[in-house]
Amino acid sequence: MRGLNSQDREPRLLLWFLDYLHSIWTWQIFDDVLVKMVDFLCEELQHERFQDARPVAMVVAADVGLSS
């Protein structure tokens, strides 16, 4: 069995975003949450210290944008 280090796990932590958005689709807070998620993915996670997660963050941001 291959061990998981932090670099293997970190990008996968972003994959719950779509499921969460789908679960709150009809709630009044949806628009606010969507804006905050896109800001987080496209601005905050593009910092140099998140170098390994940056590509995955942009893929998730694109998925979020296409699903809304």
N, C-alpha and C. Protein backbone atom coordinates (compact mmCIF):
# COMPACT_ATOMS: atom_id res chain seq x y z
N MET A 1 0.85 -1.17 0.00
CA MET A 1 0.00 0.00 0.00
C MET A 1 0.90 1.24 0.00
N ARG A 2 0.58 2.16 -0.81
CA ARG A 2 1.37 3.39 -0.91
C ARG A 2 0.91 4.39 0.15
N GLY A 3 1.84 4.94 0.85
CA GLY A 3 1.51 5.95 1.85
C GLY A 3 1.17 7.28 1.20
N LEU A 4 0.36 8.04 1.85
CA LEU A 4 -0.01 9.35 1.34
C LEU A 4 0.72 10.42 2.11
N ASN A 5 1.42 11.26 1.41
CA ASN A 5 2.01 12.40 2.08
C ASN A 5 1.10 13.60 1.89
N SER A 6 1.45 14.73 2.46
CA SER A 6 0.56 15.88 2.42
C SER A 6 0.37 16.38 0.99
N GLN A 7 1.35 16.23 0.11
CA GLN A 7 1.20 16.69 -1.26
C GLN A 7 0.17 15.85 -2.01
N ASP A 8 0.03 14.58 -1.68
CA ASP A 8 -0.96 13.73 -2.33
C ASP A 8 -2.37 14.07 -1.89
N ARG A 9 -2.53 14.47 -0.65
CA ARG A 9 -3.86 14.71 -0.10
C ARG A 9 -4.39 16.11 -0.36
N GLU A 10 -3.55 17.11 -0.33
CA GLU A 10 -4.01 18.49 -0.35
C GLU A 10 -4.91 18.85 -1.53
N PRO A 11 -4.55 18.55 -2.78
CA PRO A 11 -5.43 18.93 -3.88
C PRO A 11 -6.80 18.27 -3.81
N ARG A 12 -6.85 17.05 -3.31
CA ARG A 12 -8.15 16.37 -3.22
C ARG A 12 -9.08 17.01 -2.20
N LEU A 13 -8.54 17.79 -1.30
CA LEU A 13 -9.39 18.46 -0.32
C LEU A 13 -10.31 19.48 -0.96
N LEU A 14 -10.03 19.89 -2.16
CA LEU A 14 -10.85 20.88 -2.85
C LEU A 14 -12.04 20.27 -3.57
N LEU A 15 -12.06 18.98 -3.73
CA LEU A 15 -13.08 18.34 -4.56
C LEU A 15 -14.47 18.33 -3.94
N TRP A 16 -14.60 18.63 -2.68
CA TRP A 16 -15.91 18.66 -2.04
C TRP A 16 -16.69 19.91 -2.40
N PHE A 17 -16.05 20.91 -2.98
CA PHE A 17 -16.72 22.17 -3.29
C PHE A 17 -17.97 21.98 -4.15
N LEU A 18 -17.86 21.18 -5.21
CA LEU A 18 -19.01 20.99 -6.09
C LEU A 18 -20.18 20.31 -5.39
N ASP A 19 -19.89 19.29 -4.61
CA ASP A 19 -20.96 18.61 -3.87
C ASP A 19 -21.65 19.58 -2.91
N TYR A 20 -20.86 20.40 -2.25
CA TYR A 20 -21.43 21.37 -1.32
C TYR A 20 -22.32 22.38 -2.06
N LEU A 21 -21.84 22.89 -3.18
CA LEU A 21 -22.64 23.84 -3.94
C LEU A 21 -23.96 23.23 -4.42
N HIS A 22 -23.90 21.99 -4.86
CA HIS A 22 -25.13 21.33 -5.28
C HIS A 22 -26.10 21.14 -4.12
N SER A 23 -25.58 20.97 -2.92
CA SER A 23 -26.45 20.76 -1.77
C SER A 23 -27.13 22.05 -1.30
N ILE A 24 -26.55 23.21 -1.65
CA ILE A 24 -27.16 24.48 -1.22
C ILE A 24 -27.73 25.27 -2.40
N TRP A 25 -27.88 24.61 -3.54
CA TRP A 25 -28.31 25.25 -4.78
C TRP A 25 -29.56 26.12 -4.60
N THR A 26 -30.53 25.69 -3.85
CA THR A 26 -31.79 26.43 -3.71
C THR A 26 -31.83 27.36 -2.49
N TRP A 27 -30.79 27.39 -1.72
CA TRP A 27 -30.77 28.23 -0.52
C TRP A 27 -30.44 29.67 -0.89
N GLN A 28 -30.85 30.59 -0.04
CA GLN A 28 -30.58 32.01 -0.28
C GLN A 28 -29.09 32.34 -0.20
N ILE A 29 -28.32 31.55 0.51
CA ILE A 29 -26.90 31.84 0.68
C ILE A 29 -26.05 31.39 -0.50
N PHE A 30 -26.66 30.71 -1.48
CA PHE A 30 -25.89 30.14 -2.58
C PHE A 30 -25.01 31.16 -3.28
N ASP A 31 -25.56 32.31 -3.64
CA ASP A 31 -24.78 33.32 -4.37
C ASP A 31 -23.56 33.79 -3.57
N ASP A 32 -23.76 34.03 -2.29
CA ASP A 32 -22.64 34.48 -1.44
C ASP A 32 -21.56 33.41 -1.32
N VAL A 33 -21.97 32.17 -1.15
CA VAL A 33 -21.01 31.07 -1.03
C VAL A 33 -20.26 30.88 -2.34
N LEU A 34 -20.96 30.96 -3.45
CA LEU A 34 -20.32 30.81 -4.75
C LEU A 34 -19.24 31.87 -4.96
N VAL A 35 -19.56 33.11 -4.64
CA VAL A 35 -18.59 34.20 -4.79
C VAL A 35 -17.36 33.95 -3.91
N LYS A 36 -17.58 33.53 -2.68
CA LYS A 36 -16.46 33.29 -1.77
C LYS A 36 -15.60 32.11 -2.23
N MET A 37 -16.24 31.07 -2.75
CA MET A 37 -15.48 29.92 -3.23
C MET A 37 -14.64 30.28 -4.45
N VAL A 38 -15.21 31.00 -5.38
CA VAL A 38 -14.47 31.40 -6.57
C VAL A 38 -13.31 32.31 -6.19
N ASP A 39 -13.54 33.23 -5.28
CA ASP A 39 -12.47 34.11 -4.82
C ASP A 39 -11.35 33.29 -4.17
N PHE A 40 -11.74 32.34 -3.34
CA PHE A 40 -10.74 31.50 -2.67
C PHE A 40 -9.93 30.69 -3.68
N LEU A 41 -10.61 30.08 -4.64
CA LEU A 41 -9.93 29.24 -5.63
C LEU A 41 -9.07 30.03 -6.60
N CYS A 42 -9.58 31.17 -7.06
CA CYS A 42 -8.90 31.94 -8.11
C CYS A 42 -7.93 32.99 -7.58
N GLU A 43 -8.08 33.38 -6.35
CA GLU A 43 -7.19 34.40 -5.79
C GLU A 43 -6.29 33.82 -4.70
N GLU A 44 -6.89 33.35 -3.64
CA GLU A 44 -6.12 32.93 -2.47
C GLU A 44 -5.23 31.72 -2.76
N LEU A 45 -5.75 30.71 -3.45
CA LEU A 45 -4.98 29.49 -3.69
C LEU A 45 -3.98 29.64 -4.84
N GLN A 46 -3.89 30.80 -5.43
CA GLN A 46 -2.90 31.02 -6.49
C GLN A 46 -1.60 31.58 -5.93
N HIS A 47 -1.53 31.74 -4.63
CA HIS A 47 -0.31 32.22 -3.99
C HIS A 47 0.80 31.17 -4.16
N GLU A 48 2.03 31.62 -4.19
CA GLU A 48 3.18 30.74 -4.40
C GLU A 48 3.25 29.57 -3.41
N ARG A 49 2.84 29.80 -2.18
CA ARG A 49 2.98 28.73 -1.18
C ARG A 49 2.04 27.54 -1.45
N PHE A 50 1.06 27.74 -2.33
CA PHE A 50 0.15 26.65 -2.70
C PHE A 50 0.48 26.10 -4.08
N GLN A 51 1.73 26.12 -4.44
CA GLN A 51 2.17 25.76 -5.78
C GLN A 51 1.61 24.40 -6.24
N ASP A 52 1.61 23.40 -5.38
CA ASP A 52 1.14 22.07 -5.78
C ASP A 52 -0.38 22.03 -5.98
N ALA A 53 -1.11 22.87 -5.29
CA ALA A 53 -2.57 22.85 -5.38
C ALA A 53 -3.10 23.80 -6.45
N ARG A 54 -2.27 24.66 -6.99
CA ARG A 54 -2.74 25.67 -7.93
C ARG A 54 -3.44 25.11 -9.16
N PRO A 55 -2.89 24.11 -9.83
CA PRO A 55 -3.60 23.58 -11.00
C PRO A 55 -4.95 22.97 -10.65
N VAL A 56 -5.00 22.23 -9.56
CA VAL A 56 -6.26 21.62 -9.14
C VAL A 56 -7.27 22.70 -8.75
N ALA A 57 -6.81 23.75 -8.10
CA ALA A 57 -7.70 24.84 -7.72
C ALA A 57 -8.35 25.47 -8.94
N MET A 58 -7.61 25.64 -10.01
CA MET A 58 -8.18 26.23 -11.22
C MET A 58 -9.15 25.28 -11.91
N VAL A 59 -8.88 23.98 -11.87
CA VAL A 59 -9.82 23.01 -12.44
C VAL A 59 -11.12 23.02 -11.65
N VAL A 60 -11.02 23.04 -10.33
CA VAL A 60 -12.21 23.08 -9.49
C VAL A 60 -12.96 24.40 -9.72
N ALA A 61 -12.25 25.50 -9.85
CA ALA A 61 -12.89 26.79 -10.12
C ALA A 61 -13.64 26.75 -11.44
N ALA A 62 -13.05 26.14 -12.45
CA ALA A 62 -13.74 26.01 -13.75
C ALA A 62 -14.98 25.14 -13.62
N ASP A 63 -14.88 24.04 -12.88
CA ASP A 63 -16.04 23.18 -12.66
C ASP A 63 -17.14 23.91 -11.91
N VAL A 64 -16.76 24.70 -10.92
CA VAL A 64 -17.73 25.47 -10.15
C VAL A 64 -18.42 26.48 -11.07
N GLY A 65 -17.64 27.15 -11.91
CA GLY A 65 -18.21 28.12 -12.83
C GLY A 65 -19.14 27.50 -13.85
N LEU A 66 -18.80 26.32 -14.34
CA LEU A 66 -19.64 25.65 -15.32
C LEU A 66 -20.89 25.04 -14.71
N SER A 67 -20.82 24.70 -13.44
CA SER A 67 -21.98 24.04 -12.81
C SER A 67 -22.98 25.04 -12.26
N SER A 68 -22.62 26.32 -12.19
CA SER A 68 -23.56 27.29 -11.62
C SER A 68 -24.40 27.96 -12.68
